[in-house]
Protein backbone atom coordinates (compact mmCIF):
# COMPACT_ATOMS: atom_id res chain seq x y z
CA MET A 1 0.00 0.00 0.00
CA ALA A 2 1.14 3.57 0.51
CA THR A 3 4.18 5.04 2.25
CA GLY A 4 2.33 7.72 4.24
CA ILE A 5 -1.17 8.17 5.63
CA VAL A 6 -3.14 11.42 5.31
CA VAL A 7 -6.48 11.74 7.11
CA HIS A 8 -8.95 14.11 5.44
CA PRO A 9 -10.22 16.77 7.88
CA ARG A 10 -13.83 15.75 7.11
CA VAL A 11 -13.24 12.43 8.91
CA LEU A 12 -12.30 14.20 12.13
CA SER A 13 -15.13 16.74 11.92
CA ARG A 14 -17.81 14.09 11.31
CA HIS A 15 -16.48 11.72 13.97
CA PRO A 16 -14.90 13.79 16.76
CA GLU A 17 -14.53 10.65 18.89
CA ILE A 18 -11.90 9.41 16.40
CA SER A 19 -8.48 11.06 16.21
CA GLU A 20 -5.97 11.08 13.38
CA GLU A 21 -3.78 8.78 15.48
CA ASP A 22 -6.72 6.35 15.86
CA VAL A 23 -7.13 6.16 12.07
CA VAL A 24 -3.41 5.59 11.52
CA ALA A 25 -3.37 2.89 14.21
CA ALA A 26 -6.42 1.17 12.67
CA LEU A 27 -4.67 0.99 9.30
CA LYS A 28 -1.42 -0.26 10.81
CA ASN A 29 -3.40 -2.88 12.78
CA ALA A 30 -5.65 -3.84 9.86
CA VAL A 31 -6.97 -7.39 10.00
CA ALA A 32 -8.62 -7.13 6.57
CA ILE A 33 -7.98 -4.98 3.50
CA VAL A 34 -9.85 -5.18 0.21
CA ASN A 35 -9.16 -3.32 -3.01
CA ARG A 36 -12.56 -2.04 -4.13
CA THR A 37 -11.40 -1.04 -7.61
CA TYR A 38 -9.10 -2.56 -10.15
CA ASP A 39 -8.48 0.59 -12.17
CA PRO A 40 -6.64 3.66 -10.93
CA PRO A 41 -7.16 5.18 -8.53
CA ASP A 42 -6.93 2.22 -6.16
CA ILE A 43 -9.63 2.54 -3.49
CA TYR A 44 -9.29 0.35 -0.42
CA ALA A 45 -11.59 -0.68 2.42
CA ALA A 46 -9.96 -1.86 5.64
CA ALA A 47 -10.77 -2.74 9.23
CA GLY A 48 -8.43 -2.62 12.19
CA ALA A 49 -8.13 -1.79 15.86
CA ASP A 50 -7.41 1.80 16.87
CA ARG A 51 -5.34 2.92 19.89
CA LYS A 52 -8.28 2.20 22.21
CA GLY A 53 -8.97 -1.26 20.81
CA ARG A 54 -12.08 -0.18 18.88
CA MET A 55 -12.53 -1.75 15.47
CA LEU A 56 -12.73 0.95 12.80
CA GLU A 57 -13.65 0.75 9.15
CA VAL A 58 -11.50 2.89 6.89
CA LEU A 59 -11.91 3.87 3.24
CA GLY A 60 -9.15 5.52 1.33
CA VAL A 61 -7.42 6.02 -1.97
CA GLU A 62 -3.81 5.60 -2.97
CA MET A 63 -2.59 8.92 -4.36
CA ASP A 64 -0.11 9.43 -7.19
CA ASP A 65 2.67 10.39 -4.76
CA GLY A 66 2.35 7.06 -2.90
CA ARG A 67 0.53 8.41 0.14
CA PHE A 68 -2.80 6.98 1.29
CA LEU A 69 -5.67 9.47 1.73
CA VAL A 70 -8.31 8.33 4.22
CA TYR A 71 -11.67 9.94 3.44
CA HIS A 72 -13.89 7.80 5.69
CA ALA A 73 -13.38 6.24 9.12
CA MET A 74 -15.86 5.19 11.77
CA LYS A 75 -16.80 2.30 14.06
CA LEU A 76 -16.89 -0.93 12.05
CA THR A 77 -20.39 -1.67 10.81
CA ALA A 78 -21.81 -5.15 10.22
CA LYS A 79 -22.12 -4.38 6.50
CA MET A 80 -18.45 -3.47 6.15
CA GLY A 81 -17.48 -6.44 8.28
CA ARG A 82 -19.26 -8.74 5.82
CA GLU A 83 -17.63 -7.00 2.84
CA LEU A 84 -14.24 -7.59 4.41
CA GLY A 85 -15.01 -11.23 5.25
CA LEU A 86 -15.07 -10.67 9.00
CA GLY A 87 -18.48 -12.22 9.54
């Protein structure tokens, strides 16, 4: 995946209970990652534990410079869990 992680400010404003560090931790601790597209840009869905142990779902896109832009993060939903094969 990407070399750096950028969290869009919209994520933090919509979900003030989630910090940038939580999003980064969730990606680093991802237990499932799925590429949602097979044409550029590569859009990924992932789920992982944040710094507090909460499972978060994360959506993001790999940018041309190699960084990963997260544009969605929140508590893992059942729907996303199924998409990621987590039951």
